[in-house]
PDB file of N, CA and C in Angstrom:
ATOM      1  N   MET A   1      47.170  45.495 157.279  1.00  0.00           N
ATOM      2  CA  MET A   1      46.092  45.520 158.246  1.00  0.00           C
ATOM      3  C   MET A   1      46.673  45.308 159.645  1.00  0.00           C
ATOM      4  N   SER A   2      46.124  45.993 160.621  1.00  0.00           N
ATOM      5  CA  SER A   2      46.640  45.851 161.980  1.00  0.00           C
ATOM      6  C   SER A   2      46.103  44.575 162.636  1.00  0.00           C
ATOM      7  N   ASP A   3      46.772  44.153 163.656  1.00  0.00           N
ATOM      8  CA  ASP A   3      46.387  42.952 164.398  1.00  0.00           C
ATOM      9  C   ASP A   3      45.561  43.380 165.615  1.00  0.00           C
ATOM     10  N   THR A   4      44.351  43.885 165.361  1.00  0.00           N
ATOM     11  CA  THR A   4      43.486  44.419 166.407  1.00  0.00           C
ATOM     12  C   THR A   4      43.268  43.417 167.532  1.00  0.00           C
ATOM     13  N   PHE A   5      43.096  42.171 167.189  1.00  0.00           N
ATOM     14  CA  PHE A   5      42.776  41.160 168.192  1.00  0.00           C
ATOM     15  C   PHE A   5      43.986  40.341 168.627  1.00  0.00           C
ATOM     16  N   ARG A   6      45.156  40.813 168.253  1.00  0.00           N
ATOM     17  CA  ARG A   6      46.426  40.216 168.668  1.00  0.00           C
ATOM     18  C   ARG A   6      46.469  38.703 168.517  1.00  0.00           C
ATOM     19  N   LYS A   7      46.278  38.250 167.307  1.00  0.00           N
ATOM     20  CA  LYS A   7      46.399  36.816 167.059  1.00  0.00           C
ATOM     21  C   LYS A   7      47.849  36.367 167.166  1.00  0.00           C
ATOM     22  N   GLU A   8      48.744  37.291 166.911  1.00  0.00           N
ATOM     23  CA  GLU A   8      50.181  37.017 167.027  1.00  0.00           C
ATOM     24  C   GLU A   8      50.755  37.950 168.087  1.00  0.00           C
ATOM     25  N   TYR A   9      51.394  37.398 169.088  1.00  0.00           N
ATOM     26  CA  TYR A   9      52.006  38.213 170.131  1.00  0.00           C
ATOM     27  C   TYR A   9      53.451  38.508 169.779  1.00  0.00           C
ATOM     28  N   LYS A  10      53.873  39.724 170.080  1.00  0.00           N
ATOM     29  CA  LYS A  10      55.278  40.052 169.863  1.00  0.00           C
ATOM     30  C   LYS A  10      56.054  39.699 171.129  1.00  0.00           C
ATOM     31  N   PRO A  11      57.291  39.283 170.980  1.00  0.00           N
ATOM     32  CA  PRO A  11      58.099  38.994 172.166  1.00  0.00           C
ATOM     33  C   PRO A  11      58.326  40.282 172.964  1.00  0.00           C
ATOM     34  N   LEU A  12      58.283  40.160 174.279  1.00  0.00           N
ATOM     35  CA  LEU A  12      58.492  41.329 175.135  1.00  0.00           C
ATOM     36  C   LEU A  12      59.964  41.475 175.483  1.00  0.00           C
ATOM     37  N   SER A  13      60.409  42.714 175.524  1.00  0.00           N
ATOM     38  CA  SER A  13      61.773  42.983 175.963  1.00  0.00           C
ATOM     39  C   SER A  13      61.848  42.780 177.473  1.00  0.00           C
ATOM     40  N   GLU A  14      63.043  42.645 177.969  1.00  0.00           N
ATOM     41  CA  GLU A  14      63.215  42.505 179.416  1.00  0.00           C
ATOM     42  C   GLU A  14      62.715  43.753 180.145  1.00  0.00           C
ATOM     43  N   GLU A  15      62.915  44.922 179.514  1.00  0.00           N
ATOM     44  CA  GLU A  15      62.439  46.169 180.106  1.00  0.00           C
ATOM     45  C   GLU A  15      60.913  46.178 180.213  1.00  0.00           C
ATOM     46  N   ALA A  16      60.224  45.737 179.154  1.00  0.00           N
ATOM     47  CA  ALA A  16      58.760  45.693 179.167  1.00  0.00           C
ATOM     48  C   ALA A  16      58.258  44.705 180.218  1.00  0.00           C
ATOM     49  N   LYS A  17      58.940  43.555 180.335  1.00  0.00           N
ATOM     50  CA  LYS A  17      58.553  42.568 181.347  1.00  0.00           C
ATOM     51  C   LYS A  17      58.712  43.152 182.752  1.00  0.00           C
ATOM     52  N   ALA A  18      59.805  43.879 182.965  1.00  0.00           N
ATOM     53  CA  ALA A  18      60.050  44.489 184.278  1.00  0.00           C
ATOM     54  C   ALA A  18      59.000  45.559 184.587  1.00  0.00           C
ATOM     55  N   GLN A  19      58.670  46.374 183.595  1.00  0.00           N
ATOM     56  CA  GLN A  19      57.652  47.416 183.793  1.00  0.00           C
ATOM     57  C   GLN A  19      56.292  46.786 184.097  1.00  0.00           C
ATOM     58  N   MET A  20      55.942  45.768 183.353  1.00  0.00           N
ATOM     59  CA  MET A  20      54.673  45.085 183.574  1.00  0.00           C
ATOM     60  C   MET A  20      54.627  44.479 184.973  1.00  0.00           C
ATOM     61  N   GLY A  21      55.711  43.859 185.394  1.00  0.00           N
ATOM     62  CA  GLY A  21      55.776  43.282 186.739  1.00  0.00           C
ATOM     63  C   GLY A  21      55.652  44.334 187.819  1.00  0.00           C
ATOM     64  N   ALA A  22      56.315  45.464 187.634  1.00  0.00           N
ATOM     65  CA  ALA A  22      56.245  46.548 188.620  1.00  0.00           C
ATOM     66  C   ALA A  22      54.832  47.104 188.727  1.00  0.00           C
ATOM     67  N   ILE A  23      54.169  47.265 187.594  1.00  0.00           N
ATOM     68  CA  ILE A  23      52.782  47.758 187.600  1.00  0.00           C
ATOM     69  C   ILE A  23      51.891  46.785 188.370  1.00  0.00           C
ATOM     70  N   LYS A  24      52.024  45.518 188.085  1.00  0.00           N
ATOM     71  CA  LYS A  24      51.180  44.509 188.737  1.00  0.00           C
ATOM     72  C   LYS A  24      51.506  44.382 190.224  1.00  0.00           C
ATOM     73  N   ASP A  25      52.776  44.531 190.595  1.00  0.00           N
ATOM     74  CA  ASP A  25      53.148  44.493 192.017  1.00  0.00           C
ATOM     75  C   ASP A  25      52.482  45.631 192.777  1.00  0.00           C
ATOM     76  N   GLN A  26      52.514  46.828 192.211  1.00  0.00           N
ATOM     77  CA  GLN A  26      51.893  47.981 192.868  1.00  0.00           C
ATOM     78  C   GLN A  26      50.377  47.807 192.945  1.00  0.00           C
ATOM     79  N   ALA A  27      49.793  47.230 191.906  1.00  0.00           N
ATOM     80  CA  ALA A  27      48.348  46.984 191.903  1.00  0.00           C
ATOM     81  C   ALA A  27      47.961  46.018 193.017  1.00  0.00           C
ATOM     82  N   GLU A  28      48.778  44.980 193.227  1.00  0.00           N
ATOM     83  CA  GLU A  28      48.501  44.031 194.309  1.00  0.00           C
ATOM     84  C   GLU A  28      48.523  44.712 195.663  1.00  0.00           C
ATOM     85  N   LYS A  29      49.472  45.621 195.859  1.00  0.00           N
ATOM     86  CA  LYS A  29      49.542  46.360 197.121  1.00  0.00           C
ATOM     87  C   LYS A  29      48.291  47.200 197.328  1.00  0.00           C
ATOM     88  N   LEU A  30      47.874  47.884 196.287  1.00  0.00           N
ATOM     89  CA  LEU A  30      46.690  48.726 196.385  1.00  0.00           C
ATOM     90  C   LEU A  30      45.433  47.885 196.617  1.00  0.00           C
ATOM     91  N   GLU A  31      45.332  46.764 195.932  1.00  0.00           N
ATOM     92  CA  GLU A  31      44.190  45.874 196.147  1.00  0.00           C
ATOM     93  C   GLU A  31      44.162  45.381 197.599  1.00  0.00           C
ATOM     94  N   GLY A  32      45.324  45.103 198.159  1.00  0.00           N
ATOM     95  CA  GLY A  32      45.395  44.685 199.555  1.00  0.00           C
ATOM     96  C   GLY A  32      44.889  45.762 200.498  1.00  0.00           C
ATOM     97  N   LEU A  33      45.220  47.015 200.205  1.00  0.00           N
ATOM     98  CA  LEU A  33      44.704  48.121 201.015  1.00  0.00           C
ATOM     99  C   LEU A  33      43.181  48.204 200.903  1.00  0.00           C
ATOM    100  N   PHE A  34      42.683  48.037 199.693  1.00  0.00           N
ATOM    101  CA  PHE A  34      41.224  48.048 199.501  1.00  0.00           C
ATOM    102  C   PHE A  34      40.582  46.942 200.328  1.00  0.00           C
ATOM    103  N   ASN A  35      41.132  45.726 200.236  1.00  0.00           N
ATOM    104  CA  ASN A  35      40.570  44.588 200.962  1.00  0.00           C
ATOM    105  C   ASN A  35      40.630  44.795 202.473  1.00  0.00           C
ATOM    106  N   GLY A  36      41.674  45.455 202.934  1.00  0.00           N
ATOM    107  CA  GLY A  36      41.824  45.697 204.363  1.00  0.00           C
ATOM    108  C   GLY A  36      40.836  46.714 204.911  1.00  0.00           C
ATOM    109  N   ALA A  37      40.167  47.431 204.040  1.00  0.00           N
ATOM    110  CA  ALA A  37      39.211  48.446 204.477  1.00  0.00           C
ATOM    111  C   ALA A  37      37.845  47.854 204.807  1.00  0.00           C
ATOM    112  N   LEU A  38      37.662  46.568 204.558  1.00  0.00           N
ATOM    113  CA  LEU A  38      36.351  45.938 204.734  1.00  0.00           C
ATOM    114  C   LEU A  38      36.442  44.658 205.542  1.00  0.00           C
ATOM    115  N   ASN A  39      35.333  44.306 206.171  1.00  0.00           N
ATOM    116  CA  ASN A  39      35.160  42.954 206.689  1.00  0.00           C
ATOM    117  C   ASN A  39      34.763  42.091 205.495  1.00  0.00           C
ATOM    118  N   PRO A  40      35.246  40.860 205.416  1.00  0.00           N
ATOM    119  CA  PRO A  40      35.004  40.036 204.221  1.00  0.00           C
ATOM    120  C   PRO A  40      33.534  39.872 203.829  1.00  0.00           C
ATOM    121  N   ASP A  41      32.634  39.781 204.810  1.00  0.00           N
ATOM    122  CA  ASP A  41      31.216  39.552 204.502  1.00  0.00           C
ATOM    123  C   ASP A  41      30.383  40.820 204.539  1.00  0.00           C
ATOM    124  N   GLU A  42      31.032  41.964 204.595  1.00  0.00           N
ATOM    125  CA  GLU A  42      30.309  43.228 204.709  1.00  0.00           C
ATOM    126  C   GLU A  42      29.489  43.523 203.455  1.00  0.00           C
ATOM    127  N   ARG A  43      28.243  43.916 203.662  1.00  0.00           N
ATOM    128  CA  ARG A  43      27.347  44.336 202.576  1.00  0.00           C
ATOM    129  C   ARG A  43      26.863  45.736 202.929  1.00  0.00           C
ATOM    130  N   SER A  44      27.465  46.731 202.309  1.00  0.00           N
ATOM    131  CA  SER A  44      27.140  48.112 202.659  1.00  0.00           C
ATOM    132  C   SER A  44      27.517  49.019 201.493  1.00  0.00           C
ATOM    133  N   GLU A  45      27.217  50.287 201.648  1.00  0.00           N
ATOM    134  CA  GLU A  45      27.635  51.271 200.646  1.00  0.00           C
ATOM    135  C   GLU A  45      29.159  51.302 200.550  1.00  0.00           C
ATOM    136  N   LYS A  46      29.815  51.166 201.691  1.00  0.00           N
ATOM    137  CA  LYS A  46      31.279  51.138 201.721  1.00  0.00           C
ATOM    138  C   LYS A  46      31.805  49.964 200.874  1.00  0.00           C
ATOM    139  N   ALA A  47      31.190  48.789 201.039  1.00  0.00           N
ATOM    140  CA  ALA A  47      31.611  47.604 200.278  1.00  0.00           C
ATOM    141  C   ALA A  47      31.396  47.817 198.781  1.00  0.00           C
ATOM    142  N   ARG A  48      30.292  48.457 198.434  1.00  0.00           N
ATOM    143  CA  ARG A  48      30.012  48.741 197.028  1.00  0.00           C
ATOM    144  C   ARG A  48      31.067  49.682 196.450  1.00  0.00           C
ATOM    145  N   CYS A  49      31.411  50.711 197.205  1.00  0.00           N
ATOM    146  CA  CYS A  49      32.431  51.664 196.741  1.00  0.00           C
ATOM    147  C   CYS A  49      33.779  50.977 196.540  1.00  0.00           C
ATOM    148  N   ILE A  50      34.148  50.104 197.477  1.00  0.00           N
ATOM    149  CA  ILE A  50      35.416  49.373 197.355  1.00  0.00           C
ATOM    150  C   ILE A  50      35.367  48.450 196.136  1.00  0.00           C
ATOM    151  N   ALA A  51      34.224  47.800 195.914  1.00  0.00           N
ATOM    152  CA  ALA A  51      34.090  46.915 194.750  1.00  0.00           C
ATOM    153  C   ALA A  51      34.273  47.699 193.450  1.00  0.00           C
ATOM    154  N   ILE A  52      33.695  48.886 193.389  1.00  0.00           N
ATOM    155  CA  ILE A  52      33.854  49.728 192.196  1.00  0.00           C
ATOM    156  C   ILE A  52      35.318  50.139 192.034  1.00  0.00           C
ATOM    157  N   ALA A  53      35.962  50.489 193.138  1.00  0.00           N
ATOM    158  CA  ALA A  53      37.373  50.875 193.086  1.00  0.00           C
ATOM    159  C   ALA A  53      38.224  49.709 192.573  1.00  0.00           C
ATOM    160  N   LYS A  54      37.946  48.498 193.034  1.00  0.00           N
ATOM    161  CA  LYS A  54      38.701  47.331 192.583  1.00  0.00           C
ATOM    162  C   LYS A  54      38.490  47.064 191.099  1.00  0.00           C
ATOM    163  N   THR A  55      37.253  47.213 190.642  1.00  0.00           N
ATOM    164  CA  THR A  55      36.970  47.028 189.218  1.00  0.00           C
ATOM    165  C   THR A  55      37.745  48.037 188.386  1.00  0.00           C
ATOM    166  N   ASN A  56      37.755  49.277 188.826  1.00  0.00           N
ATOM    167  CA  ASN A  56      38.473  50.309 188.076  1.00  0.00           C
ATOM    168  C   ASN A  56      39.983  50.125 188.170  1.00  0.00           C
ATOM    169  N   LEU A  57      40.479  49.599 189.282  1.00  0.00           N
ATOM    170  CA  LEU A  57      41.901  49.273 189.391  1.00  0.00           C
ATOM    171  C   LEU A  57      42.258  48.202 188.364  1.00  0.00           C
ATOM    172  N   GLU A  58      41.432  47.162 188.269  1.00  0.00           N
ATOM    173  CA  GLU A  58      41.673  46.098 187.289  1.00  0.00           C
ATOM    174  C   GLU A  58      41.722  46.678 185.871  1.00  0.00           C
ATOM    175  N   GLN A  59      40.806  47.561 185.579  1.00  0.00           N
ATOM    176  CA  GLN A  59      40.772  48.175 184.251  1.00  0.00           C
ATOM    177  C   GLN A  59      42.014  49.042 184.017  1.00  0.00           C
ATOM    178  N   ALA A  60      42.398  49.807 185.010  1.00  0.00           N
ATOM    179  CA  ALA A  60      43.586  50.658 184.873  1.00  0.00           C
ATOM    180  C   ALA A  60      44.834  49.815 184.620  1.00  0.00           C
ATOM    181  N   ILE A  61      44.959  48.717 185.332  1.00  0.00           N
ATOM    182  CA  ILE A  61      46.125  47.850 185.160  1.00  0.00           C
ATOM    183  C   ILE A  61      46.099  47.209 183.775  1.00  0.00           C
ATOM    184  N   MET A  62      44.929  46.795 183.326  1.00  0.00           N
ATOM    185  CA  MET A  62      44.811  46.218 181.988  1.00  0.00           C
ATOM    186  C   MET A  62      45.318  47.203 180.937  1.00  0.00           C
ATOM    187  N   TRP A  63      44.876  48.445 181.019  1.00  0.00           N
ATOM    188  CA  TRP A  63      45.286  49.444 180.030  1.00  0.00           C
ATOM    189  C   TRP A  63      46.767  49.799 180.167  1.00  0.00           C
ATOM    190  N   ALA A  64      47.255  49.865 181.391  1.00  0.00           N
ATOM    191  CA  ALA A  64      48.674  50.169 181.589  1.00  0.00           C
ATOM    192  C   ALA A  64      49.549  49.060 180.991  1.00  0.00           C
ATOM    193  N   VAL A  65      49.175  47.811 181.230  1.00  0.00           N
ATOM    194  CA  VAL A  65      49.936  46.687 180.680  1.00  0.00           C
ATOM    195  C   VAL A  65      49.853  46.688 179.159  1.00  0.00           C
ATOM    196  N   LYS A  66      48.681  46.974 178.627  1.00  0.00           N
ATOM    197  CA  LYS A  66      48.546  47.049 177.166  1.00  0.00           C
ATOM    198  C   LYS A  66      49.455  48.145 176.614  1.00  0.00           C
ATOM    199  N   GLY A  67      49.523  49.271 177.311  1.00  0.00           N
ATOM    200  CA  GLY A  67      50.384  50.364 176.882  1.00  0.00           C
ATOM    201  C   GLY A  67      51.854  49.967 176.888  1.00  0.00           C
ATOM    202  N   VAL A  68      52.260  49.238 177.894  1.00  0.00           N
ATOM    203  CA  VAL A  68      53.657  48.813 178.005  1.00  0.00           C
ATOM    204  C   VAL A  68      53.995  47.751 176.960  1.00  0.00           C
ATOM    205  N   THR A  69      53.040  46.895 176.659  1.00  0.00           N
ATOM    206  CA  THR A  69      53.337  45.744 175.797  1.00  0.00           C
ATOM    207  C   THR A  69      52.974  45.970 174.331  1.00  0.00           C
ATOM    208  N   SER A  70      52.405  47.109 174.001  1.00  0.00           N
ATOM    209  CA  SER A  70      52.012  47.363 172.601  1.00  0.00           C
ATOM    210  C   SER A  70      53.191  47.785 171.770  1.00  0.00           C
TER     211      SER A  70
END
């Protein structure tokens, strides 16, 4: 039976750790660009679009990391 819910984690190789770190570093840069496009207290269609973009960035990074670490 597969470990669908990952009760046991496999050790990561140094290569996988480096790939995961690089993905997350690039995501932080992109998130910073998103944040720089808005005033912190802005409530507008633009803010909503950026919020959706950030949510989808988080999801993309989650799946990319899962792909690297599976």
